[in-house]
Amino acid sequence: MVLKLIVPIILICIGVSFIFKDAIGGKVSEKIKELNGKKEGQKETCAVFSGENVSYAGMEFKGTTLTAVFGGLKCDLTSAVITEDVVINATAIFGGIDIIVPKDMPVRVESTSIFGGVSNKAKEVFAADELVPTIYINSTCLFGGVDIK
């Protein structure tokens, strides 16, 4: 009897975790909510059945929203000027998003994935100093993926 109930219990636990994700999230979720409240100066890029390359070389980066639906997006932040904590809201639906971050910048990821995923290949950097800005990536993947390099 117990063996027959294991799969339904696991599915219920997964569903409850999706519903109460924000309540049990933690520091990363709270910081993302705070940064999303300040959408001043943020650009939005959308690729639907197409590909887009976005570069912030030499520009001050305040955050962005990236959406790929049956398409691909590449966001290059290697030469961007980042002076404060920023958030990137990435949504990939049957598509893919590549985010290239600076090597000396800490990256924190919050993800909701359904038949997709986030791959964080960026070198792990821990900010010993609170003054070092952090890139927060809030991603939603539905049959798609987000690659952080």
N, C-alpha and C. Protein backbone atom coordinates (compact mmCIF):
# COMPACT_ATOMS: atom_id res chain seq x y z
N MET A 1 0.82 -1.19 0.00
CA MET A 1 0.00 0.00 0.00
C MET A 1 0.87 1.27 0.00
N VAL A 2 1.92 1.25 0.81
CA VAL A 2 2.80 2.41 0.91
C VAL A 2 3.51 2.66 -0.42
N LEU A 3 3.94 1.61 -1.10
CA LEU A 3 4.63 1.76 -2.37
C LEU A 3 3.74 2.39 -3.44
N LYS A 4 2.43 2.13 -3.39
CA LYS A 4 1.51 2.71 -4.36
C LYS A 4 1.31 4.20 -4.12
N LEU A 5 1.57 4.67 -2.92
CA LEU A 5 1.35 6.08 -2.57
C LEU A 5 2.59 6.95 -2.74
N ILE A 6 3.74 6.36 -2.97
CA ILE A 6 4.98 7.14 -3.06
C ILE A 6 4.96 8.11 -4.22
N VAL A 7 4.59 7.66 -5.43
CA VAL A 7 4.58 8.54 -6.61
C VAL A 7 3.58 9.68 -6.43
N PRO A 8 2.33 9.43 -6.01
CA PRO A 8 1.41 10.56 -5.79
C PRO A 8 1.91 11.55 -4.73
N ILE A 9 2.54 11.06 -3.69
CA ILE A 9 3.05 11.95 -2.64
C ILE A 9 4.17 12.82 -3.20
N ILE A 10 5.05 12.24 -4.01
CA ILE A 10 6.12 13.03 -4.62
C ILE A 10 5.55 14.10 -5.54
N LEU A 11 4.54 13.75 -6.35
CA LEU A 11 3.92 14.73 -7.24
C LEU A 11 3.23 15.85 -6.46
N ILE A 12 2.59 15.51 -5.37
CA ILE A 12 1.94 16.53 -4.53
C ILE A 12 2.98 17.46 -3.92
N CYS A 13 4.10 16.90 -3.46
CA CYS A 13 5.17 17.73 -2.88
C CYS A 13 5.75 18.69 -3.92
N ILE A 14 5.93 18.23 -5.15
CA ILE A 14 6.43 19.09 -6.21
C ILE A 14 5.43 20.21 -6.49
N GLY A 15 4.16 19.89 -6.57
CA GLY A 15 3.12 20.90 -6.81
C GLY A 15 3.05 21.93 -5.69
N VAL A 16 3.14 21.49 -4.44
CA VAL A 16 3.12 22.41 -3.31
C VAL A 16 4.34 23.31 -3.33
N SER A 17 5.49 22.77 -3.72
CA SER A 17 6.69 23.61 -3.79
C SER A 17 6.56 24.69 -4.86
N PHE A 18 5.88 24.40 -5.99
CA PHE A 18 5.64 25.42 -7.01
C PHE A 18 4.70 26.50 -6.49
N ILE A 19 3.67 26.09 -5.76
CA ILE A 19 2.68 27.04 -5.27
C ILE A 19 3.28 27.97 -4.22
N PHE A 20 4.05 27.42 -3.30
CA PHE A 20 4.60 28.22 -2.21
C PHE A 20 6.07 28.57 -2.42
N LYS A 21 6.51 28.62 -3.66
CA LYS A 21 7.90 28.90 -3.98
C LYS A 21 8.36 30.24 -3.41
N ASP A 22 7.53 31.27 -3.53
CA ASP A 22 7.91 32.59 -3.04
C ASP A 22 7.96 32.65 -1.52
N ALA A 23 7.10 31.89 -0.85
CA ALA A 23 7.07 31.91 0.61
C ALA A 23 8.29 31.21 1.21
N ILE A 24 8.78 30.18 0.55
CA ILE A 24 9.92 29.43 1.08
C ILE A 24 11.20 29.71 0.31
N GLY A 25 11.18 30.75 -0.53
CA GLY A 25 12.29 31.03 -1.44
C GLY A 25 13.61 31.31 -0.76
N GLY A 26 13.69 32.38 0.00
CA GLY A 26 14.94 32.72 0.64
C GLY A 26 15.44 34.08 0.21
N LYS A 27 16.73 34.31 0.45
CA LYS A 27 17.34 35.61 0.19
C LYS A 27 17.36 35.97 -1.29
N VAL A 28 17.62 34.99 -2.15
CA VAL A 28 17.70 35.27 -3.59
C VAL A 28 16.34 35.75 -4.10
N SER A 29 15.26 35.06 -3.72
CA SER A 29 13.92 35.46 -4.15
C SER A 29 13.56 36.85 -3.66
N GLU A 30 13.91 37.15 -2.42
CA GLU A 30 13.61 38.47 -1.88
C GLU A 30 14.37 39.57 -2.63
N LYS A 31 15.64 39.34 -2.94
CA LYS A 31 16.44 40.32 -3.65
C LYS A 31 15.91 40.52 -5.08
N ILE A 32 15.48 39.43 -5.74
CA ILE A 32 14.92 39.54 -7.08
C ILE A 32 13.65 40.36 -7.06
N LYS A 33 12.78 40.14 -6.07
CA LYS A 33 11.55 40.93 -5.94
C LYS A 33 11.89 42.41 -5.75
N GLU A 34 12.87 42.68 -4.92
CA GLU A 34 13.28 44.07 -4.66
C GLU A 34 13.80 44.73 -5.94
N LEU A 35 14.66 44.02 -6.67
CA LEU A 35 15.23 44.59 -7.90
C LEU A 35 14.19 44.73 -9.00
N ASN A 36 13.20 43.83 -9.06
CA ASN A 36 12.14 43.95 -10.06
C ASN A 36 11.24 45.15 -9.78
N GLY A 37 11.22 45.62 -8.55
CA GLY A 37 10.46 46.82 -8.22
C GLY A 37 11.07 48.06 -8.84
N LYS A 38 12.38 48.04 -9.09
CA LYS A 38 13.08 49.17 -9.71
C LYS A 38 13.35 48.83 -11.18
N LYS A 39 12.40 48.99 -12.04
CA LYS A 39 12.59 48.65 -13.46
C LYS A 39 13.05 49.84 -14.28
N GLU A 40 13.60 50.83 -13.62
CA GLU A 40 14.07 52.03 -14.29
C GLU A 40 15.27 51.72 -15.18
N GLY A 41 15.20 52.09 -16.43
CA GLY A 41 16.33 51.93 -17.33
C GLY A 41 16.53 50.52 -17.87
N GLN A 42 15.58 49.64 -17.62
CA GLN A 42 15.71 48.27 -18.12
C GLN A 42 15.16 48.15 -19.53
N LYS A 43 15.86 47.40 -20.36
CA LYS A 43 15.41 47.14 -21.73
C LYS A 43 14.80 45.75 -21.79
N GLU A 44 13.90 45.56 -22.73
CA GLU A 44 13.30 44.26 -22.95
C GLU A 44 13.63 43.78 -24.36
N THR A 45 13.98 42.50 -24.47
CA THR A 45 14.29 41.92 -25.77
C THR A 45 13.49 40.65 -25.93
N CYS A 46 12.88 40.50 -27.09
CA CYS A 46 12.04 39.33 -27.36
C CYS A 46 12.41 38.74 -28.72
N ALA A 47 12.55 37.44 -28.76
CA ALA A 47 12.82 36.73 -30.01
C ALA A 47 11.75 35.67 -30.21
N VAL A 48 10.88 35.90 -31.18
CA VAL A 48 9.82 34.95 -31.49
C VAL A 48 10.08 34.39 -32.89
N PHE A 49 10.32 33.10 -32.99
CA PHE A 49 10.66 32.43 -34.23
C PHE A 49 11.86 33.08 -34.93
N SER A 50 12.78 33.63 -34.13
CA SER A 50 13.95 34.29 -34.71
C SER A 50 15.10 34.25 -33.72
N GLY A 51 16.20 34.88 -34.10
CA GLY A 51 17.36 34.97 -33.23
C GLY A 51 17.74 36.41 -33.01
N GLU A 52 18.22 36.72 -31.82
CA GLU A 52 18.64 38.08 -31.48
C GLU A 52 19.98 38.01 -30.76
N ASN A 53 20.84 38.98 -31.03
CA ASN A 53 22.09 39.16 -30.31
C ASN A 53 22.04 40.53 -29.66
N VAL A 54 22.21 40.56 -28.34
CA VAL A 54 22.17 41.81 -27.59
C VAL A 54 23.51 41.99 -26.89
N SER A 55 24.12 43.16 -27.07
CA SER A 55 25.39 43.45 -26.43
C SER A 55 25.29 44.78 -25.70
N TYR A 56 25.81 44.80 -24.50
CA TYR A 56 25.81 46.02 -23.69
C TYR A 56 27.24 46.55 -23.53
N ALA A 57 28.05 46.40 -24.56
CA ALA A 57 29.45 46.81 -24.50
C ALA A 57 29.58 48.30 -24.25
N GLY A 58 30.24 48.65 -23.16
CA GLY A 58 30.48 50.04 -22.81
C GLY A 58 29.27 50.79 -22.28
N MET A 59 28.13 50.11 -22.18
CA MET A 59 26.90 50.75 -21.70
C MET A 59 26.67 50.42 -20.22
N GLU A 60 26.00 51.31 -19.52
CA GLU A 60 25.63 51.02 -18.14
C GLU A 60 24.45 50.07 -18.16
N PHE A 61 24.60 48.95 -17.47
CA PHE A 61 23.58 47.91 -17.46
C PHE A 61 22.78 47.99 -16.18
N LYS A 62 21.45 48.16 -16.31
CA LYS A 62 20.55 48.27 -15.16
C LYS A 62 19.64 47.06 -15.01
N GLY A 63 19.78 46.07 -15.89
CA GLY A 63 18.92 44.90 -15.85
C GLY A 63 18.16 44.79 -17.16
N THR A 64 17.53 43.64 -17.39
CA THR A 64 16.80 43.43 -18.62
C THR A 64 15.80 42.30 -18.47
N THR A 65 14.90 42.22 -19.44
CA THR A 65 13.97 41.10 -19.55
C THR A 65 14.20 40.46 -20.91
N LEU A 66 14.52 39.18 -20.90
CA LEU A 66 14.79 38.43 -22.13
C LEU A 66 13.72 37.37 -22.31
N THR A 67 13.11 37.33 -23.50
CA THR A 67 12.07 36.35 -23.79
C THR A 67 12.36 35.68 -25.12
N ALA A 68 12.44 34.36 -25.13
CA ALA A 68 12.66 33.60 -26.35
C ALA A 68 11.54 32.58 -26.51
N VAL A 69 10.75 32.74 -27.57
CA VAL A 69 9.66 31.82 -27.87
C VAL A 69 9.95 31.22 -29.24
N PHE A 70 10.26 29.94 -29.28
CA PHE A 70 10.65 29.26 -30.52
C PHE A 70 11.80 29.98 -31.21
N GLY A 71 12.66 30.61 -30.44
CA GLY A 71 13.79 31.34 -31.01
C GLY A 71 14.97 31.31 -30.07
N GLY A 72 15.96 32.12 -30.38
CA GLY A 72 17.16 32.15 -29.56
C GLY A 72 17.61 33.57 -29.28
N LEU A 73 18.17 33.76 -28.10
CA LEU A 73 18.69 35.06 -27.69
C LEU A 73 20.09 34.89 -27.14
N LYS A 74 20.96 35.82 -27.46
CA LYS A 74 22.30 35.83 -26.87
C LYS A 74 22.52 37.21 -26.28
N CYS A 75 22.78 37.27 -24.99
CA CYS A 75 22.99 38.53 -24.27
C CYS A 75 24.43 38.55 -23.76
N ASP A 76 25.23 39.51 -24.25
CA ASP A 76 26.64 39.61 -23.90
C ASP A 76 26.84 40.77 -22.92
N LEU A 77 27.24 40.43 -21.70
CA LEU A 77 27.47 41.44 -20.66
C LEU A 77 28.95 41.58 -20.31
N THR A 78 29.84 40.97 -21.07
CA THR A 78 31.26 40.94 -20.70
C THR A 78 31.88 42.33 -20.61
N SER A 79 31.45 43.26 -21.45
CA SER A 79 32.01 44.62 -21.43
C SER A 79 31.03 45.65 -20.88
N ALA A 80 29.95 45.20 -20.26
CA ALA A 80 28.95 46.11 -19.72
C ALA A 80 29.46 46.75 -18.43
N VAL A 81 28.97 47.95 -18.15
CA VAL A 81 29.31 48.65 -16.92
C VAL A 81 28.22 48.34 -15.90
N ILE A 82 28.56 47.56 -14.89
CA ILE A 82 27.59 47.16 -13.86
C ILE A 82 28.07 47.73 -12.54
N THR A 83 27.33 48.71 -12.01
CA THR A 83 27.74 49.40 -10.79
C THR A 83 26.89 49.03 -9.58
N GLU A 84 25.80 48.31 -9.79
CA GLU A 84 24.92 47.93 -8.69
C GLU A 84 24.31 46.56 -9.00
N ASP A 85 23.64 45.98 -8.01
CA ASP A 85 22.98 44.69 -8.22
C ASP A 85 21.94 44.84 -9.33
N VAL A 86 21.90 43.85 -10.23
CA VAL A 86 20.95 43.87 -11.34
C VAL A 86 20.23 42.54 -11.44
N VAL A 87 19.06 42.56 -12.08
CA VAL A 87 18.31 41.33 -12.29
C VAL A 87 18.04 41.16 -13.77
N ILE A 88 18.17 39.91 -14.23
CA ILE A 88 17.82 39.54 -15.59
C ILE A 88 16.66 38.56 -15.48
N ASN A 89 15.50 38.94 -16.02
CA ASN A 89 14.35 38.06 -16.06
C ASN A 89 14.37 37.35 -17.41
N ALA A 90 14.62 36.06 -17.41
CA ALA A 90 14.76 35.29 -18.65
C ALA A 90 13.64 34.26 -18.74
N THR A 91 12.92 34.29 -19.87
CA THR A 91 11.85 33.33 -20.12
C THR A 91 12.12 32.63 -21.44
N ALA A 92 12.26 31.31 -21.40
CA ALA A 92 12.52 30.51 -22.60
C ALA A 92 11.41 29.49 -22.78
N ILE A 93 10.62 29.67 -23.84
CA ILE A 93 9.53 28.75 -24.15
C ILE A 93 9.84 28.14 -25.52
N PHE A 94 10.19 26.87 -25.55
CA PHE A 94 10.61 26.18 -26.76
C PHE A 94 11.76 26.93 -27.45
N GLY A 95 12.58 27.60 -26.68
CA GLY A 95 13.69 28.35 -27.23
C GLY A 95 14.87 28.32 -26.29
N GLY A 96 15.88 29.12 -26.60
CA GLY A 96 17.07 29.14 -25.76
C GLY A 96 17.61 30.54 -25.57
N ILE A 97 18.20 30.76 -24.41
CA ILE A 97 18.81 32.04 -24.08
C ILE A 97 20.22 31.78 -23.57
N ASP A 98 21.20 32.47 -24.16
CA ASP A 98 22.59 32.42 -23.71
C ASP A 98 22.91 33.76 -23.07
N ILE A 99 23.39 33.72 -21.83
CA ILE A 99 23.79 34.93 -21.12
C ILE A 99 25.28 34.81 -20.80
N ILE A 100 26.07 35.73 -21.32
CA ILE A 100 27.51 35.71 -21.09
C ILE A 100 27.83 36.81 -20.08
N VAL A 101 28.29 36.41 -18.91
CA VAL A 101 28.52 37.36 -17.81
C VAL A 101 30.01 37.63 -17.63
N PRO A 102 30.36 38.77 -17.02
CA PRO A 102 31.77 39.05 -16.72
C PRO A 102 32.35 38.00 -15.77
N LYS A 103 33.63 37.71 -15.91
CA LYS A 103 34.26 36.65 -15.12
C LYS A 103 34.39 36.98 -13.64
N ASP A 104 34.48 38.25 -13.28
CA ASP A 104 34.70 38.64 -11.89
C ASP A 104 33.42 39.04 -11.17
N MET A 105 32.27 38.67 -11.70
CA MET A 105 30.98 39.10 -11.16
C MET A 105 30.23 37.90 -10.57
N PRO A 106 29.77 38.00 -9.31
CA PRO A 106 28.97 36.91 -8.74
C PRO A 106 27.61 36.79 -9.43
N VAL A 107 27.14 35.56 -9.62
CA VAL A 107 25.86 35.30 -10.28
C VAL A 107 25.02 34.42 -9.35
N ARG A 108 23.77 34.81 -9.14
CA ARG A 108 22.82 34.03 -8.35
C ARG A 108 21.63 33.70 -9.25
N VAL A 109 21.16 32.45 -9.22
CA VAL A 109 20.12 32.00 -10.13
C VAL A 109 18.91 31.51 -9.34
N GLU A 110 17.74 31.92 -9.80
CA GLU A 110 16.45 31.43 -9.30
C GLU A 110 15.71 30.92 -10.53
N SER A 111 15.24 29.68 -10.51
CA SER A 111 14.69 29.09 -11.72
C SER A 111 13.43 28.29 -11.46
N THR A 112 12.50 28.38 -12.41
CA THR A 112 11.34 27.51 -12.46
C THR A 112 11.38 26.85 -13.82
N SER A 113 11.58 25.54 -13.84
CA SER A 113 11.75 24.83 -15.11
C SER A 113 10.77 23.68 -15.22
N ILE A 114 10.13 23.59 -16.38
CA ILE A 114 9.24 22.47 -16.70
C ILE A 114 9.71 21.93 -18.05
N PHE A 115 10.26 20.74 -18.06
CA PHE A 115 10.84 20.11 -19.24
C PHE A 115 11.88 21.01 -19.90
N GLY A 116 12.62 21.72 -19.10
CA GLY A 116 13.69 22.58 -19.57
C GLY A 116 14.69 22.75 -18.45
N GLY A 117 15.58 23.72 -18.56
CA GLY A 117 16.51 23.90 -17.47
C GLY A 117 17.46 25.05 -17.64
N VAL A 118 18.20 25.29 -16.57
CA VAL A 118 19.20 26.35 -16.54
C VAL A 118 20.56 25.70 -16.32
N SER A 119 21.52 26.10 -17.13
CA SER A 119 22.89 25.59 -17.00
C SER A 119 23.79 26.77 -16.65
N ASN A 120 24.31 26.77 -15.44
CA ASN A 120 25.18 27.86 -14.99
C ASN A 120 26.63 27.41 -15.11
N LYS A 121 27.28 27.81 -16.21
CA LYS A 121 28.68 27.45 -16.45
C LYS A 121 29.63 28.60 -16.07
N ALA A 122 29.07 29.65 -15.50
CA ALA A 122 29.90 30.79 -15.08
C ALA A 122 30.77 30.36 -13.91
N LYS A 123 31.97 30.89 -13.88
CA LYS A 123 32.89 30.57 -12.79
C LYS A 123 32.29 31.09 -11.48
N GLU A 124 32.28 30.24 -10.47
CA GLU A 124 31.69 30.61 -9.17
C GLU A 124 32.56 31.67 -8.50
N VAL A 125 31.95 32.82 -8.26
CA VAL A 125 32.65 33.93 -7.61
C VAL A 125 31.86 34.30 -6.37
N PHE A 126 32.52 34.34 -5.24
CA PHE A 126 31.88 34.74 -4.00
C PHE A 126 32.31 36.15 -3.65
N ALA A 127 31.32 37.00 -3.41
CA ALA A 127 31.61 38.40 -3.09
C ALA A 127 31.98 38.49 -1.62
N ALA A 128 33.25 38.72 -1.33
CA ALA A 128 33.69 38.91 0.05
C ALA A 128 33.29 40.29 0.54
N ASP A 129 33.16 41.20 -0.41
CA ASP A 129 32.83 42.58 -0.09
C ASP A 129 31.39 42.84 -0.53
N GLU A 130 30.60 43.46 0.33
CA GLU A 130 29.21 43.77 0.01
C GLU A 130 29.10 44.80 -1.11
N LEU A 131 30.18 45.51 -1.42
CA LEU A 131 30.13 46.55 -2.44
C LEU A 131 30.23 45.99 -3.86
N VAL A 132 30.57 44.72 -4.00
CA VAL A 132 30.67 44.10 -5.32
C VAL A 132 29.26 43.81 -5.82
N PRO A 133 28.91 44.32 -7.02
CA PRO A 133 27.56 44.07 -7.53
C PRO A 133 27.37 42.61 -7.93
N THR A 134 26.13 42.15 -7.83
CA THR A 134 25.76 40.77 -8.14
C THR A 134 24.74 40.76 -9.27
N ILE A 135 24.85 39.78 -10.15
CA ILE A 135 23.86 39.59 -11.20
C ILE A 135 22.90 38.50 -10.74
N TYR A 136 21.62 38.84 -10.62
CA TYR A 136 20.58 37.90 -10.25
C TYR A 136 19.84 37.50 -11.53
N ILE A 137 19.69 36.20 -11.74
CA ILE A 137 18.98 35.72 -12.93
C ILE A 137 17.75 34.96 -12.47
N ASN A 138 16.59 35.48 -12.86
CA ASN A 138 15.30 34.89 -12.54
C ASN A 138 14.77 34.28 -13.83
N SER A 139 14.78 32.94 -13.91
CA SER A 139 14.43 32.32 -15.18
C SER A 139 13.23 31.40 -15.06
N THR A 140 12.49 31.36 -16.17
CA THR A 140 11.38 30.44 -16.33
C THR A 140 11.60 29.71 -17.64
N CYS A 141 11.65 28.38 -17.57
CA CYS A 141 11.91 27.58 -18.77
C CYS A 141 10.79 26.57 -18.97
N LEU A 142 10.18 26.60 -20.15
CA LEU A 142 9.15 25.65 -20.51
C LEU A 142 9.57 25.03 -21.84
N PHE A 143 10.06 23.82 -21.82
CA PHE A 143 10.61 23.14 -22.99
C PHE A 143 11.74 23.96 -23.62
N GLY A 144 12.43 24.74 -22.83
CA GLY A 144 13.52 25.56 -23.33
C GLY A 144 14.64 25.61 -22.31
N GLY A 145 15.64 26.42 -22.58
CA GLY A 145 16.77 26.47 -21.65
C GLY A 145 17.46 27.81 -21.62
N VAL A 146 18.13 28.04 -20.49
CA VAL A 146 18.93 29.23 -20.29
C VAL A 146 20.35 28.76 -19.97
N ASP A 147 21.31 29.27 -20.72
CA ASP A 147 22.73 28.95 -20.55
C ASP A 147 23.45 30.18 -20.02
N ILE A 148 24.12 30.04 -18.90
CA ILE A 148 24.89 31.15 -18.32
C ILE A 148 26.36 30.79 -18.46
N LYS A 149 27.11 31.62 -19.16
CA LYS A 149 28.52 31.34 -19.42
C LYS A 149 29.38 32.43 -18.84
